[in-house]
Amino acid sequence: MAAVLIVQVEIDPADDEEFNRWYDEEHVPEKLASPGFVSARRFRAHDHEARYLVIYELETPEAATTPAYMRQEPSEWSKSIMARWKDWNRAVWVDLKPDAAATAES
């Protein structure tokens, strides 16, 4: 993959069940339906039960940065969940050696 989108989110532990249901039922399927999104893996912090990490593999960094992608209107459920996030960080990371990754996959 040429890039990854990394998202870290901290939530109130009281919102844990709905947050995970939203991620599994709506958010990840929606993102994987977006052009250039290849996969998604979710993690919970070992030492902080309400801190999450998601890694989306992207065909290109532009998959998560195009004006069309950034203009996507979130659902009401997404707005409700995201309004309750305590802290979050989102960044696109570019593979420094994309040719090496392609060679390893062959």
PDB file of N, CA and C in Angstrom:
ATOM      1  N   MET A   1       0.828  -1.175   0.000  1.00  0.00           N
ATOM      2  CA  MET A   1       0.000   0.000   0.000  1.00  0.00           C
ATOM      3  C   MET A   1       0.880   1.247   0.000  1.00  0.00           C
ATOM      4  N   ALA A   2       0.402   2.260  -0.628  1.00  0.00           N
ATOM      5  CA  ALA A   2       1.167   3.494  -0.743  1.00  0.00           C
ATOM      6  C   ALA A   2       1.038   4.378   0.485  1.00  0.00           C
ATOM      7  N   ALA A   3      -0.058   4.184   1.250  1.00  0.00           N
ATOM      8  CA  ALA A   3      -0.292   5.069   2.394  1.00  0.00           C
ATOM      9  C   ALA A   3      -1.247   4.414   3.385  1.00  0.00           C
ATOM     10  N   VAL A   4      -1.279   4.989   4.580  1.00  0.00           N
ATOM     11  CA  VAL A   4      -2.263   4.583   5.588  1.00  0.00           C
ATOM     12  C   VAL A   4      -2.884   5.834   6.189  1.00  0.00           C
ATOM     13  N   LEU A   5      -4.121   5.699   6.568  1.00  0.00           N
ATOM     14  CA  LEU A   5      -4.814   6.723   7.345  1.00  0.00           C
ATOM     15  C   LEU A   5      -4.881   6.182   8.761  1.00  0.00           C
ATOM     16  N   ILE A   6      -4.329   6.936   9.704  1.00  0.00           N
ATOM     17  CA  ILE A   6      -4.318   6.541  11.112  1.00  0.00           C
ATOM     18  C   ILE A   6      -5.257   7.480  11.873  1.00  0.00           C
ATOM     19  N   VAL A   7      -6.180   6.883  12.617  1.00  0.00           N
ATOM     20  CA  VAL A   7      -7.115   7.674  13.414  1.00  0.00           C
ATOM     21  C   VAL A   7      -7.052   7.157  14.849  1.00  0.00           C
ATOM     22  N   GLN A   8      -6.819   8.070  15.785  1.00  0.00           N
ATOM     23  CA  GLN A   8      -6.834   7.758  17.212  1.00  0.00           C
ATOM     24  C   GLN A   8      -8.000   8.514  17.826  1.00  0.00           C
ATOM     25  N   VAL A   9      -8.776   7.808  18.644  1.00  0.00           N
ATOM     26  CA  VAL A   9      -9.958   8.406  19.249  1.00  0.00           C
ATOM     27  C   VAL A   9     -10.034   8.004  20.713  1.00  0.00           C
ATOM     28  N   GLU A  10     -10.355   8.978  21.556  1.00  0.00           N
ATOM     29  CA  GLU A  10     -10.638   8.689  22.958  1.00  0.00           C
ATOM     30  C   GLU A  10     -12.092   9.061  23.219  1.00  0.00           C
ATOM     31  N   ILE A  11     -12.794   8.166  23.899  1.00  0.00           N
ATOM     32  CA  ILE A  11     -14.207   8.381  24.176  1.00  0.00           C
ATOM     33  C   ILE A  11     -14.478   8.230  25.667  1.00  0.00           C
ATOM     34  N   ASP A  12     -15.651   8.634  26.073  1.00  0.00           N
ATOM     35  CA  ASP A  12     -16.108   8.378  27.433  1.00  0.00           C
ATOM     36  C   ASP A  12     -16.409   6.886  27.512  1.00  0.00           C
ATOM     37  N   PRO A  13     -15.949   6.185  28.549  1.00  0.00           N
ATOM     38  CA  PRO A  13     -16.231   4.750  28.653  1.00  0.00           C
ATOM     39  C   PRO A  13     -17.730   4.423  28.593  1.00  0.00           C
ATOM     40  N   ALA A  14     -18.583   5.339  28.986  1.00  0.00           N
ATOM     41  CA  ALA A  14     -20.027   5.106  28.922  1.00  0.00           C
ATOM     42  C   ALA A  14     -20.518   4.990  27.478  1.00  0.00           C
ATOM     43  N   ASP A  15     -19.769   5.531  26.530  1.00  0.00           N
ATOM     44  CA  ASP A  15     -20.147   5.492  25.116  1.00  0.00           C
ATOM     45  C   ASP A  15     -19.517   4.324  24.365  1.00  0.00           C
ATOM     46  N   ASP A  16     -18.785   3.480  25.066  1.00  0.00           N
ATOM     47  CA  ASP A  16     -18.012   2.412  24.443  1.00  0.00           C
ATOM     48  C   ASP A  16     -18.859   1.490  23.558  1.00  0.00           C
ATOM     49  N   GLU A  17     -19.959   0.981  24.061  1.00  0.00           N
ATOM     50  CA  GLU A  17     -20.763   0.015  23.309  1.00  0.00           C
ATOM     51  C   GLU A  17     -21.317   0.625  22.019  1.00  0.00           C
ATOM     52  N   GLU A  18     -21.901   1.823  22.112  1.00  0.00           N
ATOM     53  CA  GLU A  18     -22.452   2.443  20.911  1.00  0.00           C
ATOM     54  C   GLU A  18     -21.341   2.825  19.926  1.00  0.00           C
ATOM     55  N   PHE A  19     -20.225   3.323  20.439  1.00  0.00           N
ATOM     56  CA  PHE A  19     -19.092   3.689  19.593  1.00  0.00           C
ATOM     57  C   PHE A  19     -18.633   2.485  18.756  1.00  0.00           C
ATOM     58  N   ASN A  20     -18.458   1.344  19.399  1.00  0.00           N
ATOM     59  CA  ASN A  20     -18.001   0.153  18.686  1.00  0.00           C
ATOM     60  C   ASN A  20     -19.050  -0.359  17.703  1.00  0.00           C
ATOM     61  N   ARG A  21     -20.299  -0.291  18.073  1.00  0.00           N
ATOM     62  CA  ARG A  21     -21.367  -0.697  17.157  1.00  0.00           C
ATOM     63  C   ARG A  21     -21.381   0.200  15.932  1.00  0.00           C
ATOM     64  N   TRP A  22     -21.253   1.532  16.138  1.00  0.00           N
ATOM     65  CA  TRP A  22     -21.203   2.492  15.030  1.00  0.00           C
ATOM     66  C   TRP A  22     -20.017   2.205  14.115  1.00  0.00           C
ATOM     67  N   TYR A  23     -18.847   1.989  14.711  1.00  0.00           N
ATOM     68  CA  TYR A  23     -17.657   1.718  13.901  1.00  0.00           C
ATOM     69  C   TYR A  23     -17.843   0.464  13.063  1.00  0.00           C
ATOM     70  N   ASP A  24     -18.339  -0.611  13.694  1.00  0.00           N
ATOM     71  CA  ASP A  24     -18.483  -1.893  13.002  1.00  0.00           C
ATOM     72  C   ASP A  24     -19.612  -1.898  11.976  1.00  0.00           C
ATOM     73  N   GLU A  25     -20.742  -1.280  12.307  1.00  0.00           N
ATOM     74  CA  GLU A  25     -21.929  -1.367  11.455  1.00  0.00           C
ATOM     75  C   GLU A  25     -22.014  -0.276  10.392  1.00  0.00           C
ATOM     76  N   GLU A  26     -21.468   0.908  10.682  1.00  0.00           N
ATOM     77  CA  GLU A  26     -21.610   2.001   9.721  1.00  0.00           C
ATOM     78  C   GLU A  26     -20.286   2.540   9.214  1.00  0.00           C
ATOM     79  N   HIS A  27     -19.424   2.944  10.130  1.00  0.00           N
ATOM     80  CA  HIS A  27     -18.256   3.724   9.729  1.00  0.00           C
ATOM     81  C   HIS A  27     -17.257   2.937   8.875  1.00  0.00           C
ATOM     82  N   VAL A  28     -16.810   1.772   9.348  1.00  0.00           N
ATOM     83  CA  VAL A  28     -15.840   1.002   8.568  1.00  0.00           C
ATOM     84  C   VAL A  28     -16.421   0.574   7.223  1.00  0.00           C
ATOM     85  N   PRO A  29     -17.645   0.022   7.159  1.00  0.00           N
ATOM     86  CA  PRO A  29     -18.184  -0.318   5.833  1.00  0.00           C
ATOM     87  C   PRO A  29     -18.277   0.891   4.898  1.00  0.00           C
ATOM     88  N   GLU A  30     -18.631   2.047   5.454  1.00  0.00           N
ATOM     89  CA  GLU A  30     -18.710   3.270   4.645  1.00  0.00           C
ATOM     90  C   GLU A  30     -17.334   3.650   4.098  1.00  0.00           C
ATOM     91  N   LYS A  31     -16.316   3.585   4.936  1.00  0.00           N
ATOM     92  CA  LYS A  31     -14.969   3.942   4.493  1.00  0.00           C
ATOM     93  C   LYS A  31     -14.449   2.940   3.466  1.00  0.00           C
ATOM     94  N   LEU A  32     -14.689   1.646   3.686  1.00  0.00           N
ATOM     95  CA  LEU A  32     -14.193   0.639   2.750  1.00  0.00           C
ATOM     96  C   LEU A  32     -14.907   0.703   1.405  1.00  0.00           C
ATOM     97  N   ALA A  33     -16.055   1.359   1.368  1.00  0.00           N
ATOM     98  CA  ALA A  33     -16.758   1.570   0.096  1.00  0.00           C
ATOM     99  C   ALA A  33     -16.218   2.788  -0.647  1.00  0.00           C
ATOM    100  N   SER A  34     -15.374   3.579   0.011  1.00  0.00           N
ATOM    101  CA  SER A  34     -14.787   4.769  -0.611  1.00  0.00           C
ATOM    102  C   SER A  34     -13.649   4.364  -1.542  1.00  0.00           C
ATOM    103  N   PRO A  35     -13.539   5.007  -2.698  1.00  0.00           N
ATOM    104  CA  PRO A  35     -12.459   4.675  -3.634  1.00  0.00           C
ATOM    105  C   PRO A  35     -11.086   4.808  -2.972  1.00  0.00           C
ATOM    106  N   GLY A  36     -10.244   3.800  -3.170  1.00  0.00           N
ATOM    107  CA  GLY A  36      -8.876   3.849  -2.669  1.00  0.00           C
ATOM    108  C   GLY A  36      -8.678   3.300  -1.277  1.00  0.00           C
ATOM    109  N   PHE A  37      -9.746   2.974  -0.544  1.00  0.00           N
ATOM    110  CA  PHE A  37      -9.625   2.367   0.781  1.00  0.00           C
ATOM    111  C   PHE A  37      -9.569   0.856   0.596  1.00  0.00           C
ATOM    112  N   VAL A  38      -8.532   0.217   1.124  1.00  0.00           N
ATOM    113  CA  VAL A  38      -8.288  -1.202   0.892  1.00  0.00           C
ATOM    114  C   VAL A  38      -8.686  -2.061   2.092  1.00  0.00           C
ATOM    115  N   SER A  39      -8.337  -1.625   3.290  1.00  0.00           N
ATOM    116  CA  SER A  39      -8.637  -2.422   4.483  1.00  0.00           C
ATOM    117  C   SER A  39      -8.701  -1.508   5.706  1.00  0.00           C
ATOM    118  N   ALA A  40      -9.215  -2.091   6.785  1.00  0.00           N
ATOM    119  CA  ALA A  40      -9.289  -1.363   8.062  1.00  0.00           C
ATOM    120  C   ALA A  40      -9.020  -2.343   9.196  1.00  0.00           C
ATOM    121  N   ARG A  41      -8.201  -1.911  10.147  1.00  0.00           N
ATOM    122  CA  ARG A  41      -7.940  -2.697  11.367  1.00  0.00           C
ATOM    123  C   ARG A  41      -8.135  -1.784  12.552  1.00  0.00           C
ATOM    124  N   ARG A  42      -8.854  -2.291  13.550  1.00  0.00           N
ATOM    125  CA  ARG A  42      -9.137  -1.508  14.752  1.00  0.00           C
ATOM    126  C   ARG A  42      -8.432  -2.108  15.956  1.00  0.00           C
ATOM    127  N   PHE A  43      -8.000  -1.208  16.861  1.00  0.00           N
ATOM    128  CA  PHE A  43      -7.298  -1.618  18.071  1.00  0.00           C
ATOM    129  C   PHE A  43      -7.806  -0.804  19.256  1.00  0.00           C
ATOM    130  N   ARG A  44      -7.716  -1.403  20.433  1.00  0.00           N
ATOM    131  CA  ARG A  44      -8.001  -0.690  21.681  1.00  0.00           C
ATOM    132  C   ARG A  44      -6.680  -0.621  22.453  1.00  0.00           C
ATOM    133  N   ALA A  45      -6.425   0.500  23.108  1.00  0.00           N
ATOM    134  CA  ALA A  45      -5.192   0.649  23.885  1.00  0.00           C
ATOM    135  C   ALA A  45      -5.163  -0.372  25.022  1.00  0.00           C
ATOM    136  N   HIS A  46      -4.032  -0.965  25.219  1.00  0.00           N
ATOM    137  CA  HIS A  46      -3.856  -1.962  26.273  1.00  0.00           C
ATOM    138  C   HIS A  46      -4.046  -1.355  27.665  1.00  0.00           C
ATOM    139  N   ASP A  47      -3.605  -0.125  27.831  1.00  0.00           N
ATOM    140  CA  ASP A  47      -3.625   0.501  29.158  1.00  0.00           C
ATOM    141  C   ASP A  47      -4.677   1.598  29.309  1.00  0.00           C
ATOM    142  N   HIS A  48      -5.612   1.683  28.368  1.00  0.00           N
ATOM    143  CA  HIS A  48      -6.642   2.728  28.446  1.00  0.00           C
ATOM    144  C   HIS A  48      -7.871   2.231  27.705  1.00  0.00           C
ATOM    145  N   GLU A  49      -8.852   1.745  28.436  1.00  0.00           N
ATOM    146  CA  GLU A  49      -9.979   1.043  27.806  1.00  0.00           C
ATOM    147  C   GLU A  49     -10.797   1.869  26.826  1.00  0.00           C
ATOM    148  N   ALA A  50     -10.737   3.173  26.889  1.00  0.00           N
ATOM    149  CA  ALA A  50     -11.569   4.008  26.013  1.00  0.00           C
ATOM    150  C   ALA A  50     -10.747   4.757  24.965  1.00  0.00           C
ATOM    151  N   ARG A  51      -9.574   4.247  24.639  1.00  0.00           N
ATOM    152  CA  ARG A  51      -8.753   4.845  23.573  1.00  0.00           C
ATOM    153  C   ARG A  51      -8.624   3.835  22.442  1.00  0.00           C
ATOM    154  N   TYR A  52      -8.935   4.293  21.238  1.00  0.00           N
ATOM    155  CA  TYR A  52      -8.965   3.417  20.079  1.00  0.00           C
ATOM    156  C   TYR A  52      -8.047   3.924  18.978  1.00  0.00           C
ATOM    157  N   LEU A  53      -7.634   2.986  18.131  1.00  0.00           N
ATOM    158  CA  LEU A  53      -6.791   3.277  16.978  1.00  0.00           C
ATOM    159  C   LEU A  53      -7.369   2.521  15.796  1.00  0.00           C
ATOM    160  N   VAL A  54      -7.424   3.182  14.660  1.00  0.00           N
ATOM    161  CA  VAL A  54      -7.845   2.518  13.419  1.00  0.00           C
ATOM    162  C   VAL A  54      -6.778   2.796  12.373  1.00  0.00           C
ATOM    163  N   ILE A  55      -6.427   1.752  11.617  1.00  0.00           N
ATOM    164  CA  ILE A  55      -5.465   1.888  10.532  1.00  0.00           C
ATOM    165  C   ILE A  55      -6.168   1.469   9.249  1.00  0.00           C
ATOM    166  N   TYR A  56      -6.323   2.424   8.349  1.00  0.00           N
ATOM    167  CA  TYR A  56      -6.901   2.146   7.034  1.00  0.00           C
ATOM    168  C   TYR A  56      -5.759   2.090   6.034  1.00  0.00           C
ATOM    169  N   GLU A  57      -5.672   1.011   5.270  1.00  0.00           N
ATOM    170  CA  GLU A  57      -4.698   0.948   4.183  1.00  0.00           C
ATOM    171  C   GLU A  57      -5.313   1.619   2.964  1.00  0.00           C
ATOM    172  N   LEU A  58      -4.491   2.453   2.301  1.00  0.00           N
ATOM    173  CA  LEU A  58      -4.949   3.239   1.157  1.00  0.00           C
ATOM    174  C   LEU A  58      -4.116   2.928  -0.080  1.00  0.00           C
ATOM    175  N   GLU A  59      -4.767   2.938  -1.231  1.00  0.00           N
ATOM    176  CA  GLU A  59      -4.037   2.770  -2.485  1.00  0.00           C
ATOM    177  C   GLU A  59      -3.141   3.970  -2.753  1.00  0.00           C
ATOM    178  N   THR A  60      -3.634   5.162  -2.417  1.00  0.00           N
ATOM    179  CA  THR A  60      -2.874   6.405  -2.566  1.00  0.00           C
ATOM    180  C   THR A  60      -3.220   7.312  -1.394  1.00  0.00           C
ATOM    181  N   PRO A  61      -2.342   8.244  -1.025  1.00  0.00           N
ATOM    182  CA  PRO A  61      -2.671   9.162   0.064  1.00  0.00           C
ATOM    183  C   PRO A  61      -3.882  10.033  -0.266  1.00  0.00           C
ATOM    184  N   GLU A  62      -4.096  10.288  -1.535  1.00  0.00           N
ATOM    185  CA  GLU A  62      -5.213  11.141  -1.952  1.00  0.00           C
ATOM    186  C   GLU A  62      -6.574  10.507  -1.643  1.00  0.00           C
ATOM    187  N   ALA A  63      -6.613   9.197  -1.458  1.00  0.00           N
ATOM    188  CA  ALA A  63      -7.882   8.532  -1.163  1.00  0.00           C
ATOM    189  C   ALA A  63      -8.574   9.152   0.052  1.00  0.00           C
ATOM    190  N   ALA A  64      -7.797   9.643   1.005  1.00  0.00           N
ATOM    191  CA  ALA A  64      -8.370  10.224   2.230  1.00  0.00           C
ATOM    192  C   ALA A  64      -8.192  11.731   2.318  1.00  0.00           C
ATOM    193  N   THR A  65      -7.808  12.364   1.203  1.00  0.00           N
ATOM    194  CA  THR A  65      -7.560  13.809   1.265  1.00  0.00           C
ATOM    195  C   THR A  65      -8.185  14.602   0.121  1.00  0.00           C
ATOM    196  N   THR A  66      -8.825  13.927  -0.827  1.00  0.00           N
ATOM    197  CA  THR A  66      -9.402  14.669  -1.954  1.00  0.00           C
ATOM    198  C   THR A  66     -10.529  15.575  -1.470  1.00  0.00           C
ATOM    199  N   PRO A  67     -10.770  16.670  -2.160  1.00  0.00           N
ATOM    200  CA  PRO A  67     -11.895  17.538  -1.776  1.00  0.00           C
ATOM    201  C   PRO A  67     -13.225  16.776  -1.759  1.00  0.00           C
ATOM    202  N   ALA A  68     -13.443  15.874  -2.711  1.00  0.00           N
ATOM    203  CA  ALA A  68     -14.695  15.106  -2.743  1.00  0.00           C
ATOM    204  C   ALA A  68     -14.827  14.229  -1.497  1.00  0.00           C
ATOM    205  N   TYR A  69     -13.745  13.576  -1.103  1.00  0.00           N
ATOM    206  CA  TYR A  69     -13.780  12.742   0.097  1.00  0.00           C
ATOM    207  C   TYR A  69     -14.038  13.600   1.341  1.00  0.00           C
ATOM    208  N   MET A  70     -13.340  14.711   1.443  1.00  0.00           N
ATOM    209  CA  MET A  70     -13.468  15.567   2.626  1.00  0.00           C
ATOM    210  C   MET A  70     -14.842  16.230   2.718  1.00  0.00           C
ATOM    211  N   ARG A  71     -15.555  16.344   1.603  1.00  0.00           N
ATOM    212  CA  ARG A  71     -16.889  16.958   1.603  1.00  0.00           C
ATOM    213  C   ARG A  71     -17.997  15.973   1.935  1.00  0.00           C
ATOM    214  N   GLN A  72     -17.686  14.691   2.074  1.00  0.00           N
ATOM    215  CA  GLN A  72     -18.725  13.709   2.369  1.00  0.00           C
ATOM    216  C   GLN A  72     -19.483  14.111   3.633  1.00  0.00           C
ATOM    217  N   GLU A  73     -20.792  14.095   3.536  1.00  0.00           N
ATOM    218  CA  GLU A  73     -21.642  14.497   4.660  1.00  0.00           C
ATOM    219  C   GLU A  73     -21.849  13.310   5.603  1.00  0.00           C
ATOM    220  N   PRO A  74     -21.478  13.457   6.871  1.00  0.00           N
ATOM    221  CA  PRO A  74     -21.669  12.352   7.818  1.00  0.00           C
ATOM    222  C   PRO A  74     -23.148  12.138   8.135  1.00  0.00           C
ATOM    223  N   SER A  75     -23.498  10.909   8.464  1.00  0.00           N
ATOM    224  CA  SER A  75     -24.863  10.580   8.857  1.00  0.00           C
ATOM    225  C   SER A  75     -25.174  11.213  10.215  1.00  0.00           C
ATOM    226  N   GLU A  76     -26.428  11.203  10.581  1.00  0.00           N
ATOM    227  CA  GLU A  76     -26.818  11.727  11.901  1.00  0.00           C
ATOM    228  C   GLU A  76     -26.174  10.903  13.008  1.00  0.00           C
ATOM    229  N   TRP A  77     -26.091   9.591  12.818  1.00  0.00           N
ATOM    230  CA  TRP A  77     -25.446   8.734  13.812  1.00  0.00           C
ATOM    231  C   TRP A  77     -23.974   9.099  13.939  1.00  0.00           C
ATOM    232  N   SER A  78     -23.300   9.317  12.807  1.00  0.00           N
ATOM    233  CA  SER A  78     -21.888   9.723  12.839  1.00  0.00           C
ATOM    234  C   SER A  78     -21.711  11.045  13.571  1.00  0.00           C
ATOM    235  N   LYS A  79     -22.567  12.000  13.269  1.00  0.00           N
ATOM    236  CA  LYS A  79     -22.484  13.306  13.943  1.00  0.00           C
ATOM    237  C   LYS A  79     -22.644  13.149  15.450  1.00  0.00           C
ATOM    238  N   SER A  80     -23.592  12.317  15.854  1.00  0.00           N
ATOM    239  CA  SER A  80     -23.841  12.095  17.281  1.00  0.00           C
ATOM    240  C   SER A  80     -22.638  11.461  17.971  1.00  0.00           C
ATOM    241  N   ILE A  81     -22.082  10.438  17.351  1.00  0.00           N
ATOM    242  CA  ILE A  81     -20.920   9.752  17.934  1.00  0.00           C
ATOM    243  C   ILE A  81     -19.713  10.681  17.986  1.00  0.00           C
ATOM    244  N   MET A  82     -19.409  11.316  16.870  1.00  0.00           N
ATOM    245  CA  MET A  82     -18.203  12.148  16.790  1.00  0.00           C
ATOM    246  C   MET A  82     -18.282  13.369  17.705  1.00  0.00           C
ATOM    247  N   ALA A  83     -19.473  13.860  17.990  1.00  0.00           N
ATOM    248  CA  ALA A  83     -19.636  14.993  18.903  1.00  0.00           C
ATOM    249  C   ALA A  83     -19.247  14.619  20.335  1.00  0.00           C
ATOM    250  N   ARG A  84     -19.232  13.323  20.637  1.00  0.00           N
ATOM    251  CA  ARG A  84     -18.906  12.862  21.996  1.00  0.00           C
ATOM    252  C   ARG A  84     -17.457  12.434  22.164  1.00  0.00           C
ATOM    253  N   TRP A  85     -16.650  12.532  21.101  1.00  0.00           N
ATOM    254  CA  TRP A  85     -15.249  12.175  21.232  1.00  0.00           C
ATOM    255  C   TRP A  85     -14.559  13.147  22.178  1.00  0.00           C
ATOM    256  N   LYS A  86     -13.749  12.627  23.084  1.00  0.00           N
ATOM    257  CA  LYS A  86     -13.018  13.464  24.032  1.00  0.00           C
ATOM    258  C   LYS A  86     -11.742  14.028  23.396  1.00  0.00           C
ATOM    259  N   ASP A  87     -11.139  13.223  22.561  1.00  0.00           N
ATOM    260  CA  ASP A  87      -9.897  13.637  21.908  1.00  0.00           C
ATOM    261  C   ASP A  87      -9.741  12.756  20.671  1.00  0.00           C
ATOM    262  N   TRP A  88      -9.145  13.317  19.617  1.00  0.00           N
ATOM    263  CA  TRP A  88      -8.903  12.513  18.428  1.00  0.00           C
ATOM    264  C   TRP A  88      -7.804  13.125  17.588  1.00  0.00           C
ATOM    265  N   ASN A  89      -7.214  12.269  16.766  1.00  0.00           N
ATOM    266  CA  ASN A  89      -6.137  12.689  15.876  1.00  0.00           C
ATOM    267  C   ASN A  89      -6.281  11.890  14.587  1.00  0.00           C
ATOM    268  N   ARG A  90      -6.108  12.539  13.459  1.00  0.00           N
ATOM    269  CA  ARG A  90      -6.227  11.905  12.143  1.00  0.00           C
ATOM    270  C   ARG A  90      -5.040  12.348  11.301  1.00  0.00           C
ATOM    271  N   ALA A  91      -4.351  11.384  10.674  1.00  0.00           N
ATOM    272  CA  ALA A  91      -3.220  11.735   9.815  1.00  0.00           C
ATOM    273  C   ALA A  91      -3.055  10.679   8.730  1.00  0.00           C
ATOM    274  N   VAL A  92      -2.672  11.140   7.535  1.00  0.00           N
ATOM    275  CA  VAL A  92      -2.337  10.244   6.434  1.00  0.00           C
ATOM    276  C   VAL A  92      -0.822  10.102   6.417  1.00  0.00           C
ATOM    277  N   TRP A  93      -0.362   8.860   6.382  1.00  0.00           N
ATOM    278  CA  TRP A  93       1.062   8.540   6.376  1.00  0.00           C
ATOM    279  C   TRP A  93       1.408   7.900   5.042  1.00  0.00           C
ATOM    280  N   VAL A  94       2.511   8.333   4.443  1.00  0.00           N
ATOM    281  CA  VAL A  94       2.934   7.862   3.124  1.00  0.00           C
ATOM    282  C   VAL A  94       4.091   6.877   3.285  1.00  0.00           C
ATOM    283  N   ASP A  95       4.005   5.767   2.562  1.00  0.00           N
ATOM    284  CA  ASP A  95       5.058   4.761   2.570  1.00  0.00           C
ATOM    285  C   ASP A  95       6.340   5.368   2.004  1.00  0.00           C
ATOM    286  N   LEU A  96       7.439   5.264   2.736  1.00  0.00           N
ATOM    287  CA  LEU A  96       8.711   5.833   2.287  1.00  0.00           C
ATOM    288  C   LEU A  96       9.363   4.999   1.192  1.00  0.00           C
ATOM    289  N   LYS A  97       8.998   3.719   1.137  1.00  0.00           N
ATOM    290  CA  LYS A  97       9.575   2.831   0.125  1.00  0.00           C
ATOM    291  C   LYS A  97       8.458   2.025  -0.514  1.00  0.00           C
ATOM    292  N   PRO A  98       7.597   2.671  -1.278  1.00  0.00           N
ATOM    293  CA  PRO A  98       6.453   1.925  -1.855  1.00  0.00           C
ATOM    294  C   PRO A  98       6.885   0.794  -2.795  1.00  0.00           C
ATOM    295  N   ASP A  99       8.009   0.916  -3.469  1.00  0.00           N
ATOM    296  CA  ASP A  99       8.479  -0.140  -4.367  1.00  0.00           C
ATOM    297  C   ASP A  99       8.855  -1.392  -3.577  1.00  0.00           C
ATOM    298  N   ALA A 100       9.420  -1.207  -2.387  1.00  0.00           N
ATOM    299  CA  ALA A 100       9.813  -2.344  -1.563  1.00  0.00           C
ATOM    300  C   ALA A 100       8.575  -3.123  -1.115  1.00  0.00           C
ATOM    301  N   ALA A 101       7.492  -2.429  -0.788  1.00  0.00           N
ATOM    302  CA  ALA A 101       6.260  -3.103  -0.380  1.00  0.00           C
ATOM    303  C   ALA A 101       5.677  -3.886  -1.546  1.00  0.00           C
ATOM    304  N   ALA A 102       5.702  -3.323  -2.724  1.00  0.00           N
ATOM    305  CA  ALA A 102       5.180  -4.010  -3.895  1.00  0.00           C
ATOM    306  C   ALA A 102       6.009  -5.267  -4.197  1.00  0.00           C
ATOM    307  N   THR A 103       7.315  -5.177  -4.028  1.00  0.00           N
ATOM    308  CA  THR A 103       8.190  -6.318  -4.273  1.00  0.00           C
ATOM    309  C   THR A 103       7.933  -7.415  -3.250  1.00  0.00           C
ATOM    310  N   ALA A 104       7.693  -7.042  -2.009  1.00  0.00           N
ATOM    311  CA  ALA A 104       7.442  -8.033  -0.947  1.00  0.00           C
ATOM    312  C   ALA A 104       6.133  -8.756  -1.181  1.00  0.00           C
ATOM    313  N   GLU A 105       5.156  -8.113  -1.800  1.00  0.00           N
ATOM    314  CA  GLU A 105       3.856  -8.730  -2.038  1.00  0.00           C
ATOM    315  C   GLU A 105       3.911  -9.695  -3.217  1.00  0.00           C
ATOM    316  N   SER A 106       4.903  -9.569  -4.080  1.00  0.00           N
ATOM    317  CA  SER A 106       4.976 -10.421  -5.281  1.00  0.00           C
ATOM    318  C   SER A 106       5.368 -11.836  -4.974  1.00  0.00           C
TER     319      SER A 106
END
